[in-house]
Amino acid sequence: KKFLAPNQCINCDLALADLAGRNLSKARLREADLFGVKLIKANLSEAELVGVNLIEADLSQTNLMDANLIGTDLWGAILNGADLRGAKLNGAVLDYADLEQAKFCNTAMSDGSIRNDDC
């Protein structure tokens, strides 16, 4: 673990942590292990989550506006009702992810396409 400042760490192990409702706006969590973490209704707007393990994480109704999730593993993650407007998901793994009712506007998807469903 390497903690740099509040809401910033590299290679953190936060697997199975309960961070529901937390304000992690502009957090830098590069290469962190957040397997199965609960981030329900958390604020991760403008967060940098590059290369993060979010396998089976619960991000229901989470604010991910303008978040950088490039290369993030969201396999089986729950993003039901998440706000993904302006998020960058380039190269992210979205297999089996629940994107029901998620909001998209200028959202860069894993395949490089842009979704504008909710602009």
PDB file of N, CA and C in Angstrom:
ATOM      1  N   LYS A   1       0.841  -1.187   0.000  1.00  0.00           N
ATOM      2  CA  LYS A   1       0.000   0.000   0.000  1.00  0.00           C
ATOM      3  C   LYS A   1       0.878   1.239   0.000  1.00  0.00           C
ATOM      4  N   LYS A   2       0.446   2.208  -0.766  1.00  0.00           N
ATOM      5  CA  LYS A   2       1.188   3.465  -0.775  1.00  0.00           C
ATOM      6  C   LYS A   2       0.178   4.599  -0.691  1.00  0.00           C
ATOM      7  N   PHE A   3       0.027   5.188   0.475  1.00  0.00           N
ATOM      8  CA  PHE A   3      -0.905   6.287   0.667  1.00  0.00           C
ATOM      9  C   PHE A   3      -0.206   7.597   0.355  1.00  0.00           C
ATOM     10  N   LEU A   4      -0.806   8.393  -0.501  1.00  0.00           N
ATOM     11  CA  LEU A   4      -0.183   9.645  -0.923  1.00  0.00           C
ATOM     12  C   LEU A   4      -0.788  10.852  -0.217  1.00  0.00           C
ATOM     13  N   ALA A   5      -2.068  10.801   0.032  1.00  0.00           N
ATOM     14  CA  ALA A   5      -2.815  11.901   0.651  1.00  0.00           C
ATOM     15  C   ALA A   5      -4.232  11.381   0.894  1.00  0.00           C
ATOM     16  N   PRO A   6      -5.072  12.131   1.578  1.00  0.00           N
ATOM     17  CA  PRO A   6      -6.453  11.677   1.743  1.00  0.00           C
ATOM     18  C   PRO A   6      -7.087  11.370   0.382  1.00  0.00           C
ATOM     19  N   ASN A   7      -7.803  10.267   0.301  1.00  0.00           N
ATOM     20  CA  ASN A   7      -8.488   9.815  -0.912  1.00  0.00           C
ATOM     21  C   ASN A   7      -7.529   9.460  -2.038  1.00  0.00           C
ATOM     22  N   GLN A   8      -6.262   9.209  -1.740  1.00  0.00           N
ATOM     23  CA  GLN A   8      -5.301   8.849  -2.762  1.00  0.00           C
ATOM     24  C   GLN A   8      -4.416   7.709  -2.272  1.00  0.00           C
ATOM     25  N   CYS A   9      -4.337   6.661  -3.066  1.00  0.00           N
ATOM     26  CA  CYS A   9      -3.403   5.588  -2.763  1.00  0.00           C
ATOM     27  C   CYS A   9      -3.180   4.739  -4.002  1.00  0.00           C
ATOM     28  N   ILE A  10      -2.037   4.123  -4.063  1.00  0.00           N
ATOM     29  CA  ILE A  10      -1.658   3.267  -5.169  1.00  0.00           C
ATOM     30  C   ILE A  10      -1.571   1.837  -4.626  1.00  0.00           C
ATOM     31  N   ASN A  11      -2.137   0.888  -5.374  1.00  0.00           N
ATOM     32  CA  ASN A  11      -2.117  -0.527  -4.989  1.00  0.00           C
ATOM     33  C   ASN A  11      -2.783  -0.807  -3.647  1.00  0.00           C
ATOM     34  N   CYS A  12      -3.812  -0.061  -3.290  1.00  0.00           N
ATOM     35  CA  CYS A  12      -4.530  -0.288  -2.035  1.00  0.00           C
ATOM     36  C   CYS A  12      -5.331  -1.574  -2.103  1.00  0.00           C
ATOM     37  N   ASP A  13      -5.458  -2.251  -0.988  1.00  0.00           N
ATOM     38  CA  ASP A  13      -6.306  -3.424  -0.880  1.00  0.00           C
ATOM     39  C   ASP A  13      -7.526  -3.051  -0.052  1.00  0.00           C
ATOM     40  N   LEU A  14      -8.620  -2.763  -0.761  1.00  0.00           N
ATOM     41  CA  LEU A  14      -9.870  -2.393  -0.100  1.00  0.00           C
ATOM     42  C   LEU A  14     -10.955  -3.420  -0.426  1.00  0.00           C
ATOM     43  N   ALA A  15     -10.531  -4.633  -0.754  1.00  0.00           N
ATOM     44  CA  ALA A  15     -11.468  -5.695  -1.120  1.00  0.00           C
ATOM     45  C   ALA A  15     -12.509  -5.892  -0.029  1.00  0.00           C
ATOM     46  N   LEU A  16     -13.769  -5.998  -0.456  1.00  0.00           N
ATOM     47  CA  LEU A  16     -14.927  -6.252   0.403  1.00  0.00           C
ATOM     48  C   LEU A  16     -15.222  -5.128   1.403  1.00  0.00           C
ATOM     49  N   ALA A  17     -14.592  -3.973   1.256  1.00  0.00           N
ATOM     50  CA  ALA A  17     -14.833  -2.840   2.158  1.00  0.00           C
ATOM     51  C   ALA A  17     -16.243  -2.277   1.936  1.00  0.00           C
ATOM     52  N   ASP A  18     -16.808  -1.701   2.960  1.00  0.00           N
ATOM     53  CA  ASP A  18     -18.103  -1.035   2.850  1.00  0.00           C
ATOM     54  C   ASP A  18     -17.850   0.468   2.817  1.00  0.00           C
ATOM     55  N   LEU A  19     -17.899   1.034   1.610  1.00  0.00           N
ATOM     56  CA  LEU A  19     -17.676   2.464   1.416  1.00  0.00           C
ATOM     57  C   LEU A  19     -18.944   3.146   0.912  1.00  0.00           C
ATOM     58  N   ALA A  20     -20.078   2.553   1.205  1.00  0.00           N
ATOM     59  CA  ALA A  20     -21.365   3.093   0.762  1.00  0.00           C
ATOM     60  C   ALA A  20     -21.542   4.526   1.272  1.00  0.00           C
ATOM     61  N   GLY A  21     -21.983   5.395   0.364  1.00  0.00           N
ATOM     62  CA  GLY A  21     -22.286   6.772   0.722  1.00  0.00           C
ATOM     63  C   GLY A  21     -21.076   7.665   0.938  1.00  0.00           C
ATOM     64  N   ARG A  22     -19.877   7.150   0.762  1.00  0.00           N
ATOM     65  CA  ARG A  22     -18.668   7.943   1.000  1.00  0.00           C
ATOM     66  C   ARG A  22     -18.433   8.968  -0.110  1.00  0.00           C
ATOM     67  N   ASN A  23     -17.835  10.081   0.249  1.00  0.00           N
ATOM     68  CA  ASN A  23     -17.452  11.096  -0.724  1.00  0.00           C
ATOM     69  C   ASN A  23     -15.997  10.855  -1.102  1.00  0.00           C
ATOM     70  N   LEU A  24     -15.813  10.269  -2.287  1.00  0.00           N
ATOM     71  CA  LEU A  24     -14.475   9.995  -2.799  1.00  0.00           C
ATOM     72  C   LEU A  24     -14.256  10.760  -4.097  1.00  0.00           C
ATOM     73  N   SER A  25     -14.895  11.913  -4.189  1.00  0.00           N
ATOM     74  CA  SER A  25     -14.748  12.758  -5.370  1.00  0.00           C
ATOM     75  C   SER A  25     -13.277  13.095  -5.570  1.00  0.00           C
ATOM     76  N   LYS A  26     -12.815  12.950  -6.808  1.00  0.00           N
ATOM     77  CA  LYS A  26     -11.438  13.244  -7.204  1.00  0.00           C
ATOM     78  C   LYS A  26     -10.412  12.315  -6.558  1.00  0.00           C
ATOM     79  N   ALA A  27     -10.863  11.171  -6.016  1.00  0.00           N
ATOM     80  CA  ALA A  27      -9.927  10.206  -5.428  1.00  0.00           C
ATOM     81  C   ALA A  27      -9.025   9.626  -6.507  1.00  0.00           C
ATOM     82  N   ARG A  28      -7.821   9.280  -6.128  1.00  0.00           N
ATOM     83  CA  ARG A  28      -6.878   8.594  -7.025  1.00  0.00           C
ATOM     84  C   ARG A  28      -6.609   7.225  -6.419  1.00  0.00           C
ATOM     85  N   LEU A  29      -7.159   6.197  -7.064  1.00  0.00           N
ATOM     86  CA  LEU A  29      -7.025   4.834  -6.555  1.00  0.00           C
ATOM     87  C   LEU A  29      -6.463   3.931  -7.647  1.00  0.00           C
ATOM     88  N   ARG A  30      -5.333   4.276  -8.206  1.00  0.00           N
ATOM     89  CA  ARG A  30      -4.733   3.502  -9.308  1.00  0.00           C
ATOM     90  C   ARG A  30      -4.338   2.103  -8.849  1.00  0.00           C
ATOM     91  N   GLU A  31      -4.663   1.118  -9.722  1.00  0.00           N
ATOM     92  CA  GLU A  31      -4.278  -0.281  -9.516  1.00  0.00           C
ATOM     93  C   GLU A  31      -4.746  -0.837  -8.170  1.00  0.00           C
ATOM     94  N   ALA A  32      -5.791  -0.281  -7.590  1.00  0.00           N
ATOM     95  CA  ALA A  32      -6.297  -0.736  -6.296  1.00  0.00           C
ATOM     96  C   ALA A  32      -7.148  -1.992  -6.440  1.00  0.00           C
ATOM     97  N   ASP A  33      -7.217  -2.773  -5.383  1.00  0.00           N
ATOM     98  CA  ASP A  33      -8.071  -3.956  -5.346  1.00  0.00           C
ATOM     99  C   ASP A  33      -9.327  -3.602  -4.563  1.00  0.00           C
ATOM    100  N   LEU A  34     -10.423  -3.429  -5.303  1.00  0.00           N
ATOM    101  CA  LEU A  34     -11.712  -3.126  -4.697  1.00  0.00           C
ATOM    102  C   LEU A  34     -12.704  -4.249  -5.001  1.00  0.00           C
ATOM    103  N   PHE A  35     -12.213  -5.471  -5.052  1.00  0.00           N
ATOM    104  CA  PHE A  35     -13.061  -6.624  -5.320  1.00  0.00           C
ATOM    105  C   PHE A  35     -14.224  -6.658  -4.327  1.00  0.00           C
ATOM    106  N   GLY A  36     -15.453  -6.724  -4.852  1.00  0.00           N
ATOM    107  CA  GLY A  36     -16.632  -6.877  -4.016  1.00  0.00           C
ATOM    108  C   GLY A  36     -16.943  -5.709  -3.105  1.00  0.00           C
ATOM    109  N   VAL A  37     -16.290  -4.587  -3.305  1.00  0.00           N
ATOM    110  CA  VAL A  37     -16.504  -3.417  -2.446  1.00  0.00           C
ATOM    111  C   VAL A  37     -17.932  -2.883  -2.605  1.00  0.00           C
ATOM    112  N   LYS A  38     -18.469  -2.319  -1.549  1.00  0.00           N
ATOM    113  CA  LYS A  38     -19.792  -1.697  -1.590  1.00  0.00           C
ATOM    114  C   LYS A  38     -19.604  -0.190  -1.668  1.00  0.00           C
ATOM    115  N   LEU A  39     -19.996   0.375  -2.812  1.00  0.00           N
ATOM    116  CA  LEU A  39     -19.894   1.818  -3.039  1.00  0.00           C
ATOM    117  C   LEU A  39     -21.270   2.394  -3.369  1.00  0.00           C
ATOM    118  N   ILE A  40     -22.303   1.802  -2.825  1.00  0.00           N
ATOM    119  CA  ILE A  40     -23.674   2.218  -3.092  1.00  0.00           C
ATOM    120  C   ILE A  40     -23.851   3.687  -2.713  1.00  0.00           C
ATOM    121  N   LYS A  41     -24.351   4.476  -3.667  1.00  0.00           N
ATOM    122  CA  LYS A  41     -24.620   5.906  -3.481  1.00  0.00           C
ATOM    123  C   LYS A  41     -23.380   6.708  -3.082  1.00  0.00           C
ATOM    124  N   ALA A  42     -22.191   6.204  -3.405  1.00  0.00           N
ATOM    125  CA  ALA A  42     -20.956   6.946  -3.120  1.00  0.00           C
ATOM    126  C   ALA A  42     -20.748   8.008  -4.195  1.00  0.00           C
ATOM    127  N   ASN A  43     -19.940   8.997  -3.891  1.00  0.00           N
ATOM    128  CA  ASN A  43     -19.591  10.043  -4.851  1.00  0.00           C
ATOM    129  C   ASN A  43     -18.157   9.801  -5.314  1.00  0.00           C
ATOM    130  N   LEU A  44     -18.033   9.338  -6.560  1.00  0.00           N
ATOM    131  CA  LEU A  44     -16.726   9.122  -7.170  1.00  0.00           C
ATOM    132  C   LEU A  44     -16.562  10.014  -8.391  1.00  0.00           C
ATOM    133  N   SER A  45     -17.234  11.159  -8.378  1.00  0.00           N
ATOM    134  CA  SER A  45     -17.128  12.079  -9.510  1.00  0.00           C
ATOM    135  C   SER A  45     -15.676  12.523  -9.670  1.00  0.00           C
ATOM    136  N   GLU A  46     -15.230  12.545 -10.921  1.00  0.00           N
ATOM    137  CA  GLU A  46     -13.869  12.951 -11.286  1.00  0.00           C
ATOM    138  C   GLU A  46     -12.787  12.089 -10.644  1.00  0.00           C
ATOM    139  N   ALA A  47     -13.142  10.900 -10.166  1.00  0.00           N
ATOM    140  CA  ALA A  47     -12.159  10.002  -9.557  1.00  0.00           C
ATOM    141  C   ALA A  47     -11.307   9.337 -10.631  1.00  0.00           C
ATOM    142  N   GLU A  48     -10.096   8.983 -10.264  1.00  0.00           N
ATOM    143  CA  GLU A  48      -9.196   8.273 -11.148  1.00  0.00           C
ATOM    144  C   GLU A  48      -9.095   6.842 -10.641  1.00  0.00           C
ATOM    145  N   LEU A  49      -9.719   5.925 -11.392  1.00  0.00           N
ATOM    146  CA  LEU A  49      -9.774   4.521 -11.009  1.00  0.00           C
ATOM    147  C   LEU A  49      -9.146   3.658 -12.102  1.00  0.00           C
ATOM    148  N   VAL A  50      -8.034   4.085 -12.625  1.00  0.00           N
ATOM    149  CA  VAL A  50      -7.376   3.417 -13.744  1.00  0.00           C
ATOM    150  C   VAL A  50      -6.811   2.073 -13.298  1.00  0.00           C
ATOM    151  N   GLY A  51      -7.200   1.012 -14.021  1.00  0.00           N
ATOM    152  CA  GLY A  51      -6.686  -0.314 -13.742  1.00  0.00           C
ATOM    153  C   GLY A  51      -7.138  -0.924 -12.430  1.00  0.00           C
ATOM    154  N   VAL A  52      -8.230  -0.441 -11.883  1.00  0.00           N
ATOM    155  CA  VAL A  52      -8.728  -0.907 -10.594  1.00  0.00           C
ATOM    156  C   VAL A  52      -9.527  -2.207 -10.758  1.00  0.00           C
ATOM    157  N   ASN A  53      -9.441  -3.089  -9.783  1.00  0.00           N
ATOM    158  CA  ASN A  53     -10.227  -4.311  -9.741  1.00  0.00           C
ATOM    159  C   ASN A  53     -11.536  -3.993  -9.019  1.00  0.00           C
ATOM    160  N   LEU A  54     -12.612  -3.886  -9.791  1.00  0.00           N
ATOM    161  CA  LEU A  54     -13.943  -3.670  -9.222  1.00  0.00           C
ATOM    162  C   LEU A  54     -14.849  -4.859  -9.549  1.00  0.00           C
ATOM    163  N   ILE A  55     -14.248  -6.047  -9.639  1.00  0.00           N
ATOM    164  CA  ILE A  55     -15.013  -7.254  -9.921  1.00  0.00           C
ATOM    165  C   ILE A  55     -16.057  -7.462  -8.826  1.00  0.00           C
ATOM    166  N   GLU A  56     -17.306  -7.655  -9.262  1.00  0.00           N
ATOM    167  CA  GLU A  56     -18.448  -7.906  -8.376  1.00  0.00           C
ATOM    168  C   GLU A  56     -18.680  -6.792  -7.350  1.00  0.00           C
ATOM    169  N   ALA A  57     -18.201  -5.589  -7.625  1.00  0.00           N
ATOM    170  CA  ALA A  57     -18.440  -4.448  -6.736  1.00  0.00           C
ATOM    171  C   ALA A  57     -19.877  -3.950  -6.918  1.00  0.00           C
ATOM    172  N   ASP A  58     -20.435  -3.364  -5.876  1.00  0.00           N
ATOM    173  CA  ASP A  58     -21.781  -2.794  -5.946  1.00  0.00           C
ATOM    174  C   ASP A  58     -21.657  -1.276  -6.006  1.00  0.00           C
ATOM    175  N   LEU A  59     -21.873  -0.742  -7.212  1.00  0.00           N
ATOM    176  CA  LEU A  59     -21.805   0.694  -7.461  1.00  0.00           C
ATOM    177  C   LEU A  59     -23.195   1.238  -7.775  1.00  0.00           C
ATOM    178  N   SER A  60     -24.218   0.641  -7.210  1.00  0.00           N
ATOM    179  CA  SER A  60     -25.593   1.076  -7.441  1.00  0.00           C
ATOM    180  C   SER A  60     -25.766   2.535  -7.056  1.00  0.00           C
ATOM    181  N   GLN A  61     -26.328   3.307  -7.964  1.00  0.00           N
ATOM    182  CA  GLN A  61     -26.640   4.721  -7.747  1.00  0.00           C
ATOM    183  C   GLN A  61     -25.409   5.547  -7.370  1.00  0.00           C
ATOM    184  N   THR A  62     -24.235   5.088  -7.766  1.00  0.00           N
ATOM    185  CA  THR A  62     -22.998   5.805  -7.485  1.00  0.00           C
ATOM    186  C   THR A  62     -22.777   6.909  -8.510  1.00  0.00           C
ATOM    187  N   ASN A  63     -22.272   8.043  -8.059  1.00  0.00           N
ATOM    188  CA  ASN A  63     -21.951   9.157  -8.942  1.00  0.00           C
ATOM    189  C   ASN A  63     -20.544   8.935  -9.489  1.00  0.00           C
ATOM    190  N   LEU A  64     -20.467   8.582 -10.784  1.00  0.00           N
ATOM    191  CA  LEU A  64     -19.194   8.380 -11.462  1.00  0.00           C
ATOM    192  C   LEU A  64     -19.022   9.391 -12.591  1.00  0.00           C
ATOM    193  N   MET A  65     -19.675  10.552 -12.459  1.00  0.00           N
ATOM    194  CA  MET A  65     -19.573  11.586 -13.488  1.00  0.00           C
ATOM    195  C   MET A  65     -18.114  11.988 -13.689  1.00  0.00           C
ATOM    196  N   ASP A  66     -17.693  11.988 -14.960  1.00  0.00           N
ATOM    197  CA  ASP A  66     -16.348  12.412 -15.347  1.00  0.00           C
ATOM    198  C   ASP A  66     -15.240  11.576 -14.695  1.00  0.00           C
ATOM    199  N   ALA A  67     -15.565  10.363 -14.231  1.00  0.00           N
ATOM    200  CA  ALA A  67     -14.557   9.489 -13.637  1.00  0.00           C
ATOM    201  C   ALA A  67     -13.737   8.815 -14.733  1.00  0.00           C
ATOM    202  N   ASN A  68     -12.491   8.539 -14.420  1.00  0.00           N
ATOM    203  CA  ASN A  68     -11.585   7.866 -15.344  1.00  0.00           C
ATOM    204  C   ASN A  68     -11.474   6.410 -14.901  1.00  0.00           C
ATOM    205  N   LEU A  69     -12.128   5.516 -15.658  1.00  0.00           N
ATOM    206  CA  LEU A  69     -12.142   4.086 -15.357  1.00  0.00           C
ATOM    207  C   LEU A  69     -11.453   3.291 -16.464  1.00  0.00           C
ATOM    208  N   ILE A  70     -10.476   3.889 -17.109  1.00  0.00           N
ATOM    209  CA  ILE A  70      -9.779   3.239 -18.217  1.00  0.00           C
ATOM    210  C   ILE A  70      -9.094   1.971 -17.720  1.00  0.00           C
ATOM    211  N   GLY A  71      -9.384   0.860 -18.408  1.00  0.00           N
ATOM    212  CA  GLY A  71      -8.759  -0.413 -18.077  1.00  0.00           C
ATOM    213  C   GLY A  71      -9.233  -1.041 -16.781  1.00  0.00           C
ATOM    214  N   THR A  72     -10.311  -0.536 -16.212  1.00  0.00           N
ATOM    215  CA  THR A  72     -10.836  -1.053 -14.956  1.00  0.00           C
ATOM    216  C   THR A  72     -11.613  -2.352 -15.187  1.00  0.00           C
ATOM    217  N   ASP A  73     -11.498  -3.295 -14.269  1.00  0.00           N
ATOM    218  CA  ASP A  73     -12.208  -4.563 -14.380  1.00  0.00           C
ATOM    219  C   ASP A  73     -13.507  -4.476 -13.592  1.00  0.00           C
ATOM    220  N   LEU A  74     -14.611  -4.354 -14.333  1.00  0.00           N
ATOM    221  CA  LEU A  74     -15.948  -4.246 -13.744  1.00  0.00           C
ATOM    222  C   LEU A  74     -16.760  -5.518 -14.005  1.00  0.00           C
ATOM    223  N   TRP A  75     -16.088  -6.669 -14.130  1.00  0.00           N
ATOM    224  CA  TRP A  75     -16.754  -7.936 -14.399  1.00  0.00           C
ATOM    225  C   TRP A  75     -17.774  -8.216 -13.285  1.00  0.00           C
ATOM    226  N   GLY A  76     -19.025  -8.366 -13.665  1.00  0.00           N
ATOM    227  CA  GLY A  76     -20.069  -8.690 -12.702  1.00  0.00           C
ATOM    228  C   GLY A  76     -20.426  -7.568 -11.739  1.00  0.00           C
ATOM    229  N   ALA A  77     -19.926  -6.372 -11.987  1.00  0.00           N
ATOM    230  CA  ALA A  77     -20.223  -5.240 -11.093  1.00  0.00           C
ATOM    231  C   ALA A  77     -21.673  -4.779 -11.269  1.00  0.00           C
ATOM    232  N   ILE A  78     -22.226  -4.236 -10.226  1.00  0.00           N
ATOM    233  CA  ILE A  78     -23.588  -3.705 -10.254  1.00  0.00           C
ATOM    234  C   ILE A  78     -23.489  -2.189 -10.391  1.00  0.00           C
ATOM    235  N   LEU A  79     -23.923  -1.693 -11.559  1.00  0.00           N
ATOM    236  CA  LEU A  79     -23.903  -0.259 -11.837  1.00  0.00           C
ATOM    237  C   LEU A  79     -25.328   0.232 -12.067  1.00  0.00           C
ATOM    238  N   ASN A  80     -26.283  -0.438 -11.475  1.00  0.00           N
ATOM    239  CA  ASN A  80     -27.688  -0.105 -11.631  1.00  0.00           C
ATOM    240  C   ASN A  80     -27.951   1.303 -11.107  1.00  0.00           C
ATOM    241  N   GLY A  81     -28.375   2.193 -12.001  1.00  0.00           N
ATOM    242  CA  GLY A  81     -28.673   3.570 -11.609  1.00  0.00           C
ATOM    243  C   GLY A  81     -27.447   4.444 -11.425  1.00  0.00           C
ATOM    244  N   ALA A  82     -26.271   3.948 -11.766  1.00  0.00           N
ATOM    245  CA  ALA A  82     -25.046   4.750 -11.627  1.00  0.00           C
ATOM    246  C   ALA A  82     -25.034   5.887 -12.639  1.00  0.00           C
ATOM    247  N   ASP A  83     -24.438   7.005 -12.272  1.00  0.00           N
ATOM    248  CA  ASP A  83     -24.315   8.158 -13.161  1.00  0.00           C
ATOM    249  C   ASP A  83     -22.953   8.089 -13.830  1.00  0.00           C
ATOM    250  N   LEU A  84     -22.941   7.669 -15.100  1.00  0.00           N
ATOM    251  CA  LEU A  84     -21.711   7.500 -15.858  1.00  0.00           C
ATOM    252  C   LEU A  84     -21.527   8.601 -16.902  1.00  0.00           C
ATOM    253  N   ARG A  85     -22.222   9.730 -16.729  1.00  0.00           N
ATOM    254  CA  ARG A  85     -22.094  10.826 -17.694  1.00  0.00           C
ATOM    255  C   ARG A  85     -20.667  11.387 -17.665  1.00  0.00           C
ATOM    256  N   GLY A  86     -20.046  11.392 -18.852  1.00  0.00           N
ATOM    257  CA  GLY A  86     -18.689  11.912 -18.987  1.00  0.00           C
ATOM    258  C   GLY A  86     -17.604  10.943 -18.539  1.00  0.00           C
ATOM    259  N   ALA A  87     -17.979   9.747 -18.115  1.00  0.00           N
ATOM    260  CA  ALA A  87     -16.986   8.769 -17.648  1.00  0.00           C
ATOM    261  C   ALA A  87     -16.207   8.170 -18.818  1.00  0.00           C
ATOM    262  N   LYS A  88     -14.988   7.760 -18.526  1.00  0.00           N
ATOM    263  CA  LYS A  88     -14.128   7.115 -19.516  1.00  0.00           C
ATOM    264  C   LYS A  88     -13.983   5.646 -19.134  1.00  0.00           C
ATOM    265  N   LEU A  89     -14.579   4.765 -19.949  1.00  0.00           N
ATOM    266  CA  LEU A  89     -14.542   3.332 -19.693  1.00  0.00           C
ATOM    267  C   LEU A  89     -13.729   2.597 -20.756  1.00  0.00           C
ATOM    268  N   ASN A  90     -12.874   3.315 -21.460  1.00  0.00           N
ATOM    269  CA  ASN A  90     -12.075   2.719 -22.529  1.00  0.00           C
ATOM    270  C   ASN A  90     -11.306   1.515 -22.004  1.00  0.00           C
ATOM    271  N   GLY A  91     -11.447   0.384 -22.692  1.00  0.00           N
ATOM    272  CA  GLY A  91     -10.718  -0.812 -22.316  1.00  0.00           C
ATOM    273  C   GLY A  91     -11.183  -1.477 -21.037  1.00  0.00           C
ATOM    274  N   ALA A  92     -12.258  -0.976 -20.421  1.00  0.00           N
ATOM    275  CA  ALA A  92     -12.772  -1.576 -19.187  1.00  0.00           C
ATOM    276  C   ALA A  92     -13.462  -2.909 -19.501  1.00  0.00           C
ATOM    277  N   VAL A  93     -13.399  -3.832 -18.563  1.00  0.00           N
ATOM    278  CA  VAL A  93     -14.100  -5.104 -18.689  1.00  0.00           C
ATOM    279  C   VAL A  93     -15.492  -4.904 -18.109  1.00  0.00           C
ATOM    280  N   LEU A  94     -16.518  -5.071 -18.953  1.00  0.00           N
ATOM    281  CA  LEU A  94     -17.904  -4.878 -18.528  1.00  0.00           C
ATOM    282  C   LEU A  94     -18.731  -6.160 -18.642  1.00  0.00           C
ATOM    283  N   ASP A  95     -18.067  -7.300 -18.839  1.00  0.00           N
ATOM    284  CA  ASP A  95     -18.778  -8.565 -18.952  1.00  0.00           C
ATOM    285  C   ASP A  95     -19.612  -8.812 -17.696  1.00  0.00           C
ATOM    286  N   TYR A  96     -20.863  -9.164 -17.899  1.00  0.00           N
ATOM    287  CA  TYR A  96     -21.815  -9.476 -16.826  1.00  0.00           C
ATOM    288  C   TYR A  96     -22.102  -8.298 -15.897  1.00  0.00           C
ATOM    289  N   ALA A  97     -21.672  -7.111 -16.245  1.00  0.00           N
ATOM    290  CA  ALA A  97     -21.972  -5.928 -15.425  1.00  0.00           C
ATOM    291  C   ALA A  97     -23.433  -5.544 -15.611  1.00  0.00           C
ATOM    292  N   ASP A  98     -24.080  -5.123 -14.540  1.00  0.00           N
ATOM    293  CA  ASP A  98     -25.473  -4.679 -14.567  1.00  0.00           C
ATOM    294  C   ASP A  98     -25.478  -3.163 -14.772  1.00  0.00           C
ATOM    295  N   LEU A  99     -25.820  -2.749 -15.994  1.00  0.00           N
ATOM    296  CA  LEU A  99     -25.858  -1.322 -16.340  1.00  0.00           C
ATOM    297  C   LEU A  99     -27.283  -0.802 -16.442  1.00  0.00           C
ATOM    298  N   GLU A 100     -28.239  -1.537 -15.873  1.00  0.00           N
ATOM    299  CA  GLU A 100     -29.640  -1.146 -15.949  1.00  0.00           C
ATOM    300  C   GLU A 100     -29.851   0.212 -15.283  1.00  0.00           C
ATOM    301  N   GLN A 101     -30.526   1.087 -15.991  1.00  0.00           N
ATOM    302  CA  GLN A 101     -30.874   2.433 -15.526  1.00  0.00           C
ATOM    303  C   GLN A 101     -29.651   3.321 -15.278  1.00  0.00           C
ATOM    304  N   ALA A 102     -28.466   2.918 -15.747  1.00  0.00           N
ATOM    305  CA  ALA A 102     -27.290   3.789 -15.642  1.00  0.00           C
ATOM    306  C   ALA A 102     -27.481   4.961 -16.601  1.00  0.00           C
ATOM    307  N   LYS A 103     -26.907   6.108 -16.256  1.00  0.00           N
ATOM    308  CA  LYS A 103     -27.027   7.317 -17.079  1.00  0.00           C
ATOM    309  C   LYS A 103     -25.762   7.491 -17.910  1.00  0.00           C
ATOM    310  N   PHE A 104     -25.970   7.728 -19.234  1.00  0.00           N
ATOM    311  CA  PHE A 104     -24.865   7.897 -20.166  1.00  0.00           C
ATOM    312  C   PHE A 104     -25.017   9.198 -20.931  1.00  0.00           C
ATOM    313  N   CYS A 105     -23.980   9.992 -20.975  1.00  0.00           N
ATOM    314  CA  CYS A 105     -23.916  11.184 -21.818  1.00  0.00           C
ATOM    315  C   CYS A 105     -22.438  11.478 -22.032  1.00  0.00           C
ATOM    316  N   ASN A 106     -22.021  11.421 -23.278  1.00  0.00           N
ATOM    317  CA  ASN A 106     -20.602  11.584 -23.608  1.00  0.00           C
ATOM    318  C   ASN A 106     -19.740  10.585 -22.822  1.00  0.00           C
ATOM    319  N   THR A 107     -20.271   9.365 -22.681  1.00  0.00           N
ATOM    320  CA  THR A 107     -19.581   8.303 -21.955  1.00  0.00           C
ATOM    321  C   THR A 107     -18.783   7.461 -22.934  1.00  0.00           C
ATOM    322  N   ALA A 108     -17.475   7.393 -22.746  1.00  0.00           N
ATOM    323  CA  ALA A 108     -16.606   6.578 -23.588  1.00  0.00           C
ATOM    324  C   ALA A 108     -16.691   5.134 -23.101  1.00  0.00           C
ATOM    325  N   MET A 109     -17.209   4.258 -23.954  1.00  0.00           N
ATOM    326  CA  MET A 109     -17.404   2.867 -23.580  1.00  0.00           C
ATOM    327  C   MET A 109     -16.132   2.051 -23.826  1.00  0.00           C
ATOM    328  N   SER A 110     -16.127   0.815 -23.349  1.00  0.00           N
ATOM    329  CA  SER A 110     -14.932  -0.029 -23.418  1.00  0.00           C
ATOM    330  C   SER A 110     -14.448  -0.269 -24.842  1.00  0.00           C
ATOM    331  N   ASP A 111     -15.371  -0.283 -25.805  1.00  0.00           N
ATOM    332  CA  ASP A 111     -14.995  -0.524 -27.199  1.00  0.00           C
ATOM    333  C   ASP A 111     -14.637   0.756 -27.945  1.00  0.00           C
ATOM    334  N   GLY A 112     -14.610   1.896 -27.253  1.00  0.00           N
ATOM    335  CA  GLY A 112     -14.268   3.170 -27.872  1.00  0.00           C
ATOM    336  C   GLY A 112     -15.465   3.962 -28.364  1.00  0.00           C
ATOM    337  N   SER A 113     -16.653   3.349 -28.364  1.00  0.00           N
ATOM    338  CA  SER A 113     -17.857   4.067 -28.775  1.00  0.00           C
ATOM    339  C   SER A 113     -18.275   5.056 -27.689  1.00  0.00           C
ATOM    340  N   ILE A 114     -19.122   6.010 -28.084  1.00  0.00           N
ATOM    341  CA  ILE A 114     -19.630   7.022 -27.142  1.00  0.00           C
ATOM    342  C   ILE A 114     -21.135   6.795 -26.970  1.00  0.00           C
ATOM    343  N   ARG A 115     -21.592   6.727 -25.722  1.00  0.00           N
ATOM    344  CA  ARG A 115     -23.025   6.604 -25.460  1.00  0.00           C
ATOM    345  C   ARG A 115     -23.566   7.943 -24.982  1.00  0.00           C
ATOM    346  N   ASN A 116     -24.703   8.336 -25.591  1.00  0.00           N
ATOM    347  CA  ASN A 116     -25.343   9.610 -25.263  1.00  0.00           C
ATOM    348  C   ASN A 116     -26.825   9.412 -24.945  1.00  0.00           C
ATOM    349  N   ASP A 117     -27.169   8.302 -24.321  1.00  0.00           N
ATOM    350  CA  ASP A 117     -28.565   7.970 -24.048  1.00  0.00           C
ATOM    351  C   ASP A 117     -29.288   9.029 -23.202  1.00  0.00           C
ATOM    352  N   ASP A 118     -28.589   9.699 -22.324  1.00  0.00           N
ATOM    353  CA  ASP A 118     -29.233  10.587 -21.349  1.00  0.00           C
ATOM    354  C   ASP A 118     -28.777  12.029 -21.410  1.00  0.00           C
ATOM    355  N   CYS A 119     -28.373  12.477 -22.600  1.00  0.00           N
ATOM    356  CA  CYS A 119     -27.932  13.868 -22.737  1.00  0.00           C
ATOM    357  C   CYS A 119     -29.125  14.818 -22.768  1.00  0.00           C
TER     358      CYS A 119
END
